[in-house]
Amino acid sequence: MAETVVDMEDARTLVAIRAGDVDAYARLMTKYQGRVAGIVSGHAPRERVTELTHEVFVRAYKSLSGYRGDSPFGHWLAKVAVRTCHDFWRAEYRRRERPESELSDECRAFAEEAAALETSEAAEETVSRREARELLAWAMDRLSPTDRMVVTLTHLEERPVAEAAEMLGLSVPNVKVRAFRARRKLRDLLGDVIGA
């Protein structure tokens, strides 16, 4: 069993916070601001990163009593960040209007052009990164919030399944099943668009 490496500076700061020194939390925020913003930027729209990063720190502060110290504080904070992003997507999906918007004309033109090309080499040469990102974003928007986070963590960020499960508060088998089903759905969605 691996031992947890304790950051003594974090431990002292947490003791001060728990003793009532609210200002001590600012030291943790300063120390972990970049790390949290990096995690959030990988899981949320660019225009929401600042807001969600702040939300992570608010949530972490409110739930400090739940931090037992059995993992480094930064690792625990990373889980809070991922779960905050997950909650963001769940809320976004609930707010969506139905029917969902279609692809932009530019992205649809890209899909038609890619389908018309005979070889994958020719298709790769004509694909612009922006159009490909838009197409992926469109397909990801059709996944459930949890499936979206599973795919992002396990495939786009290439995190181990066990780590993704821990970050999302899911079981390893649940993450494996969700990843398999989500990949299949993405394949079907993208195949329908490109093959249309």
C-alpha atoms as a PDB file:
ATOM      1  CA  MET A   1       0.000   0.000   0.000  1.00  0.00           C
ATOM      2  CA  ALA A   2       1.416   3.388  -1.038  1.00  0.00           C
ATOM      3  CA  GLU A   3       1.998   6.001   1.610  1.00  0.00           C
ATOM      4  CA  THR A   4       0.464   9.428   1.234  1.00  0.00           C
ATOM      5  CA  VAL A   5       2.987  12.226   0.859  1.00  0.00           C
ATOM      6  CA  VAL A   6       1.991  14.999   3.234  1.00  0.00           C
ATOM      7  CA  ASP A   7       2.684  18.585   2.222  1.00  0.00           C
ATOM      8  CA  MET A   8       3.538  20.143   5.571  1.00  0.00           C
ATOM      9  CA  GLU A   9       2.763  23.658   4.343  1.00  0.00           C
ATOM     10  CA  ASP A  10      -0.742  22.533   3.310  1.00  0.00           C
ATOM     11  CA  ALA A  11      -1.182  20.702   6.619  1.00  0.00           C
ATOM     12  CA  ARG A  12      -0.271  23.815   8.629  1.00  0.00           C
ATOM     13  CA  THR A  13      -2.559  25.974   6.498  1.00  0.00           C
ATOM     14  CA  LEU A  14      -5.458  23.547   6.956  1.00  0.00           C
ATOM     15  CA  VAL A  15      -4.930  23.523  10.727  1.00  0.00           C
ATOM     16  CA  ALA A  16      -5.032  27.347  10.700  1.00  0.00           C
ATOM     17  CA  ILE A  17      -8.230  27.376   8.620  1.00  0.00           C
ATOM     18  CA  ARG A  18      -9.918  24.859  10.897  1.00  0.00           C
ATOM     19  CA  ALA A  19      -8.869  26.975  13.880  1.00  0.00           C
ATOM     20  CA  GLY A  20     -10.803  29.906  12.407  1.00  0.00           C
ATOM     21  CA  ASP A  21      -8.176  31.706  10.295  1.00  0.00           C
ATOM     22  CA  VAL A  22     -10.348  32.279   7.227  1.00  0.00           C
ATOM     23  CA  ASP A  23      -7.611  34.320   5.522  1.00  0.00           C
ATOM     24  CA  ALA A  24      -5.311  31.287   5.504  1.00  0.00           C
ATOM     25  CA  TYR A  25      -7.487  29.794   2.759  1.00  0.00           C
ATOM     26  CA  ALA A  26      -6.198  32.489   0.396  1.00  0.00           C
ATOM     27  CA  ARG A  27      -2.748  30.838   0.586  1.00  0.00           C
ATOM     28  CA  LEU A  28      -4.201  27.552  -0.689  1.00  0.00           C
ATOM     29  CA  MET A  29      -6.094  29.379  -3.412  1.00  0.00           C
ATOM     30  CA  THR A  30      -2.923  31.124  -4.558  1.00  0.00           C
ATOM     31  CA  LYS A  31      -0.942  27.893  -4.505  1.00  0.00           C
ATOM     32  CA  TYR A  32      -3.500  25.812  -6.431  1.00  0.00           C
ATOM     33  CA  GLN A  33      -5.092  28.471  -8.678  1.00  0.00           C
ATOM     34  CA  GLY A  34      -3.183  27.409 -11.796  1.00  0.00           C
ATOM     35  CA  ARG A  35      -3.745  23.713 -11.271  1.00  0.00           C
ATOM     36  CA  VAL A  36      -7.489  24.131 -10.719  1.00  0.00           C
ATOM     37  CA  ALA A  37      -7.858  26.506 -13.682  1.00  0.00           C
ATOM     38  CA  GLY A  38      -6.011  23.983 -15.847  1.00  0.00           C
ATOM     39  CA  ILE A  39      -8.376  21.197 -14.860  1.00  0.00           C
ATOM     40  CA  VAL A  40     -11.445  23.366 -15.371  1.00  0.00           C
ATOM     41  CA  SER A  41     -10.239  24.629 -18.756  1.00  0.00           C
ATOM     42  CA  GLY A  42     -10.013  21.037 -19.946  1.00  0.00           C
ATOM     43  CA  HIS A  43     -13.614  20.326 -19.002  1.00  0.00           C
ATOM     44  CA  ALA A  44     -15.612  23.518 -19.496  1.00  0.00           C
ATOM     45  CA  PRO A  45     -16.124  26.214 -22.111  1.00  0.00           C
ATOM     46  CA  ARG A  46     -13.363  28.833 -22.144  1.00  0.00           C
ATOM     47  CA  GLU A  47     -15.711  31.661 -21.200  1.00  0.00           C
ATOM     48  CA  ARG A  48     -16.752  29.847 -18.001  1.00  0.00           C
ATOM     49  CA  VAL A  49     -13.294  28.860 -16.691  1.00  0.00           C
ATOM     50  CA  THR A  50     -12.858  31.801 -14.304  1.00  0.00           C
ATOM     51  CA  GLU A  51     -16.335  31.399 -12.842  1.00  0.00           C
ATOM     52  CA  LEU A  52     -16.013  27.642 -12.405  1.00  0.00           C
ATOM     53  CA  THR A  53     -12.502  27.906 -10.936  1.00  0.00           C
ATOM     54  CA  HIS A  54     -13.920  30.233  -8.297  1.00  0.00           C
ATOM     55  CA  GLU A  55     -16.783  27.782  -7.720  1.00  0.00           C
ATOM     56  CA  VAL A  56     -14.262  24.978  -7.118  1.00  0.00           C
ATOM     57  CA  PHE A  57     -12.591  26.953  -4.347  1.00  0.00           C
ATOM     58  CA  VAL A  58     -15.937  27.878  -2.793  1.00  0.00           C
ATOM     59  CA  ARG A  59     -17.058  24.247  -2.806  1.00  0.00           C
ATOM     60  CA  ALA A  60     -13.729  23.065  -1.444  1.00  0.00           C
ATOM     61  CA  TYR A  61     -13.892  25.565   1.411  1.00  0.00           C
ATOM     62  CA  LYS A  62     -17.434  24.555   2.295  1.00  0.00           C
ATOM     63  CA  SER A  63     -16.470  20.880   2.339  1.00  0.00           C
ATOM     64  CA  LEU A  64     -13.088  21.107   4.067  1.00  0.00           C
ATOM     65  CA  SER A  65     -14.559  19.123   6.956  1.00  0.00           C
ATOM     66  CA  GLY A  66     -14.798  16.185   4.526  1.00  0.00           C
ATOM     67  CA  TYR A  67     -11.095  16.292   3.695  1.00  0.00           C
ATOM     68  CA  ARG A  68      -9.540  13.591   5.861  1.00  0.00           C
ATOM     69  CA  GLY A  69      -5.953  13.979   4.687  1.00  0.00           C
ATOM     70  CA  ASP A  70      -5.668  10.430   3.315  1.00  0.00           C
ATOM     71  CA  SER A  71      -4.528  11.909  -0.018  1.00  0.00           C
ATOM     72  CA  PRO A  72      -2.614  15.097  -0.820  1.00  0.00           C
ATOM     73  CA  PHE A  73      -4.755  18.232  -0.662  1.00  0.00           C
ATOM     74  CA  GLY A  74      -4.038  18.975  -4.337  1.00  0.00           C
ATOM     75  CA  HIS A  75      -5.401  15.586  -5.343  1.00  0.00           C
ATOM     76  CA  TRP A  76      -8.546  16.117  -3.272  1.00  0.00           C
ATOM     77  CA  LEU A  77      -8.955  19.581  -4.802  1.00  0.00           C
ATOM     78  CA  ALA A  78      -8.600  18.087  -8.305  1.00  0.00           C
ATOM     79  CA  LYS A  79     -11.522  15.764  -7.532  1.00  0.00           C
ATOM     80  CA  VAL A  80     -13.573  18.752  -6.392  1.00  0.00           C
ATOM     81  CA  ALA A  81     -12.692  20.501  -9.683  1.00  0.00           C
ATOM     82  CA  VAL A  82     -13.738  17.546 -11.839  1.00  0.00           C
ATOM     83  CA  ARG A  83     -16.985  17.110  -9.924  1.00  0.00           C
ATOM     84  CA  THR A  84     -17.722  20.833 -10.227  1.00  0.00           C
ATOM     85  CA  CYS A  85     -17.301  20.569 -13.999  1.00  0.00           C
ATOM     86  CA  HIS A  86     -19.515  17.493 -14.024  1.00  0.00           C
ATOM     87  CA  ASP A  87     -22.193  19.395 -12.137  1.00  0.00           C
ATOM     88  CA  PHE A  88     -21.814  22.293 -14.593  1.00  0.00           C
ATOM     89  CA  TRP A  89     -22.550  19.996 -17.546  1.00  0.00           C
ATOM     90  CA  ARG A  90     -25.474  18.387 -15.755  1.00  0.00           C
ATOM     91  CA  ALA A  91     -26.988  21.832 -15.191  1.00  0.00           C
ATOM     92  CA  GLU A  92     -26.304  22.850 -18.799  1.00  0.00           C
ATOM     93  CA  TYR A  93     -28.062  19.749 -20.094  1.00  0.00           C
ATOM     94  CA  ARG A  94     -31.119  20.483 -17.928  1.00  0.00           C
ATOM     95  CA  ARG A  95     -31.298  24.058 -19.286  1.00  0.00           C
ATOM     96  CA  ARG A  96     -31.099  23.084 -22.910  1.00  0.00           C
ATOM     97  CA  GLU A  97     -33.946  23.954 -25.179  1.00  0.00           C
ATOM     98  CA  ARG A  98     -35.425  21.178 -27.252  1.00  0.00           C
ATOM     99  CA  PRO A  99     -34.966  20.456 -30.078  1.00  0.00           C
ATOM    100  CA  GLU A 100     -31.212  20.754 -29.874  1.00  0.00           C
ATOM    101  CA  SER A 101     -29.507  23.047 -32.327  1.00  0.00           C
ATOM    102  CA  GLU A 102     -28.091  21.571 -35.469  1.00  0.00           C
ATOM    103  CA  LEU A 103     -24.567  21.837 -36.803  1.00  0.00           C
ATOM    104  CA  SER A 104     -23.489  25.181 -38.219  1.00  0.00           C
ATOM    105  CA  ASP A 105     -23.513  25.482 -42.001  1.00  0.00           C
ATOM    106  CA  GLU A 106     -19.710  25.579 -41.965  1.00  0.00           C
ATOM    107  CA  CYS A 107     -19.441  22.357 -39.949  1.00  0.00           C
ATOM    108  CA  ARG A 108     -22.073  20.615 -42.120  1.00  0.00           C
ATOM    109  CA  ALA A 109     -20.111  21.666 -45.242  1.00  0.00           C
ATOM    110  CA  PHE A 110     -16.980  20.153 -43.681  1.00  0.00           C
ATOM    111  CA  ALA A 111     -18.820  16.882 -43.009  1.00  0.00           C
ATOM    112  CA  GLU A 112     -20.135  16.741 -46.574  1.00  0.00           C
ATOM    113  CA  GLU A 113     -16.689  17.504 -47.996  1.00  0.00           C
ATOM    114  CA  ALA A 114     -15.065  14.820 -45.838  1.00  0.00           C
ATOM    115  CA  ALA A 115     -17.665  12.265 -46.942  1.00  0.00           C
ATOM    116  CA  ALA A 116     -17.073  13.132 -50.608  1.00  0.00           C
ATOM    117  CA  LEU A 117     -13.326  12.535 -50.441  1.00  0.00           C
ATOM    118  CA  GLU A 118     -12.195   9.084 -51.486  1.00  0.00           C
ATOM    119  CA  THR A 119      -9.149   8.561 -49.298  1.00  0.00           C
ATOM    120  CA  SER A 120      -8.496   9.247 -45.650  1.00  0.00           C
ATOM    121  CA  GLU A 121      -5.214  10.944 -46.603  1.00  0.00           C
ATOM    122  CA  ALA A 122      -7.056  13.497 -48.698  1.00  0.00           C
ATOM    123  CA  ALA A 123      -9.598  13.978 -45.921  1.00  0.00           C
ATOM    124  CA  GLU A 124      -6.862  14.574 -43.332  1.00  0.00           C
ATOM    125  CA  GLU A 125      -5.311  17.256 -45.540  1.00  0.00           C
ATOM    126  CA  THR A 126      -8.566  19.210 -45.831  1.00  0.00           C
ATOM    127  CA  VAL A 127      -9.773  18.985 -42.226  1.00  0.00           C
ATOM    128  CA  SER A 128      -9.336  22.191 -40.313  1.00  0.00           C
ATOM    129  CA  ARG A 129      -8.795  21.922 -36.576  1.00  0.00           C
ATOM    130  CA  ARG A 130     -11.549  24.380 -35.800  1.00  0.00           C
ATOM    131  CA  GLU A 131     -14.147  22.456 -37.801  1.00  0.00           C
ATOM    132  CA  ALA A 132     -13.038  19.148 -36.281  1.00  0.00           C
ATOM    133  CA  ARG A 133     -13.297  20.625 -32.764  1.00  0.00           C
ATOM    134  CA  GLU A 134     -16.766  21.945 -33.547  1.00  0.00           C
ATOM    135  CA  LEU A 135     -17.847  18.552 -34.840  1.00  0.00           C
ATOM    136  CA  LEU A 136     -16.495  16.811 -31.737  1.00  0.00           C
ATOM    137  CA  ALA A 137     -18.134  19.404 -29.471  1.00  0.00           C
ATOM    138  CA  TRP A 138     -21.429  18.871 -31.286  1.00  0.00           C
ATOM    139  CA  ALA A 139     -21.179  15.095 -30.771  1.00  0.00           C
ATOM    140  CA  MET A 140     -20.056  15.450 -27.130  1.00  0.00           C
ATOM    141  CA  ASP A 141     -23.091  17.671 -26.476  1.00  0.00           C
ATOM    142  CA  ARG A 142     -25.280  14.693 -27.309  1.00  0.00           C
ATOM    143  CA  LEU A 143     -23.773  12.563 -24.537  1.00  0.00           C
ATOM    144  CA  SER A 144     -25.102  12.614 -21.001  1.00  0.00           C
ATOM    145  CA  PRO A 145     -23.101  14.864 -18.659  1.00  0.00           C
ATOM    146  CA  THR A 146     -21.551  11.867 -16.907  1.00  0.00           C
ATOM    147  CA  ASP A 147     -20.665  10.126 -20.170  1.00  0.00           C
ATOM    148  CA  ARG A 148     -19.142  13.374 -21.439  1.00  0.00           C
ATOM    149  CA  MET A 149     -16.900  13.590 -18.369  1.00  0.00           C
ATOM    150  CA  VAL A 150     -15.961   9.889 -18.629  1.00  0.00           C
ATOM    151  CA  VAL A 151     -14.931  10.275 -22.282  1.00  0.00           C
ATOM    152  CA  THR A 152     -13.016  13.480 -21.547  1.00  0.00           C
ATOM    153  CA  LEU A 153     -11.108  11.958 -18.647  1.00  0.00           C
ATOM    154  CA  THR A 154     -10.389   8.505 -20.100  1.00  0.00           C
ATOM    155  CA  HIS A 155      -9.913   9.254 -23.797  1.00  0.00           C
ATOM    156  CA  LEU A 156      -9.158  12.907 -24.352  1.00  0.00           C
ATOM    157  CA  GLU A 157      -6.994  13.299 -21.233  1.00  0.00           C
ATOM    158  CA  GLU A 158      -5.926   9.626 -21.247  1.00  0.00           C
ATOM    159  CA  ARG A 159      -6.334   9.215 -17.485  1.00  0.00           C
ATOM    160  CA  PRO A 160      -6.467   5.685 -16.065  1.00  0.00           C
ATOM    161  CA  VAL A 161      -9.996   4.337 -15.575  1.00  0.00           C
ATOM    162  CA  ALA A 162      -9.437   3.992 -11.821  1.00  0.00           C
ATOM    163  CA  GLU A 163      -8.428   7.652 -11.553  1.00  0.00           C
ATOM    164  CA  ALA A 164     -11.444   8.797 -13.596  1.00  0.00           C
ATOM    165  CA  ALA A 165     -13.717   6.667 -11.408  1.00  0.00           C
ATOM    166  CA  GLU A 166     -12.279   8.181  -8.242  1.00  0.00           C
ATOM    167  CA  MET A 167     -12.553  11.728  -9.576  1.00  0.00           C
ATOM    168  CA  LEU A 168     -16.185  11.250 -10.588  1.00  0.00           C
ATOM    169  CA  GLY A 169     -17.192   9.218  -7.550  1.00  0.00           C
ATOM    170  CA  LEU A 170     -18.141   6.214  -9.710  1.00  0.00           C
ATOM    171  CA  SER A 171     -17.100   2.577  -9.649  1.00  0.00           C
ATOM    172  CA  VAL A 172     -14.428   1.345 -12.068  1.00  0.00           C
ATOM    173  CA  PRO A 173     -16.870  -1.032 -13.847  1.00  0.00           C
ATOM    174  CA  ASN A 174     -19.365   1.830 -14.219  1.00  0.00           C
ATOM    175  CA  VAL A 175     -16.711   4.020 -15.856  1.00  0.00           C
ATOM    176  CA  LYS A 176     -15.670   1.185 -18.191  1.00  0.00           C
ATOM    177  CA  VAL A 177     -19.257   0.536 -19.281  1.00  0.00           C
ATOM    178  CA  ARG A 178     -19.999   4.242 -19.711  1.00  0.00           C
ATOM    179  CA  ALA A 179     -16.793   4.757 -21.721  1.00  0.00           C
ATOM    180  CA  PHE A 180     -17.621   1.839 -24.020  1.00  0.00           C
ATOM    181  CA  ARG A 181     -21.198   2.990 -24.609  1.00  0.00           C
ATOM    182  CA  ALA A 182     -20.216   6.640 -25.024  1.00  0.00           C
ATOM    183  CA  ARG A 183     -17.532   5.788 -27.602  1.00  0.00           C
ATOM    184  CA  ARG A 184     -20.075   3.736 -29.539  1.00  0.00           C
ATOM    185  CA  LYS A 185     -22.591   6.604 -29.440  1.00  0.00           C
ATOM    186  CA  LEU A 186     -19.944   9.083 -30.613  1.00  0.00           C
ATOM    187  CA  ARG A 187     -18.977   6.734 -33.449  1.00  0.00           C
ATOM    188  CA  ASP A 188     -22.625   6.443 -34.487  1.00  0.00           C
ATOM    189  CA  LEU A 189     -23.239  10.205 -34.281  1.00  0.00           C
ATOM    190  CA  LEU A 190     -20.120  11.099 -36.220  1.00  0.00           C
ATOM    191  CA  GLY A 191     -20.738   8.316 -38.725  1.00  0.00           C
ATOM    192  CA  ASP A 192     -24.268   9.590 -39.361  1.00  0.00           C
ATOM    193  CA  VAL A 193     -23.041  13.152 -39.946  1.00  0.00           C
ATOM    194  CA  ILE A 194     -20.025  12.299 -42.067  1.00  0.00           C
ATOM    195  CA  GLY A 195     -21.827   9.573 -43.967  1.00  0.00           C
ATOM    196  CA  ALA A 196     -24.925  11.736 -44.584  1.00  0.00           C
END
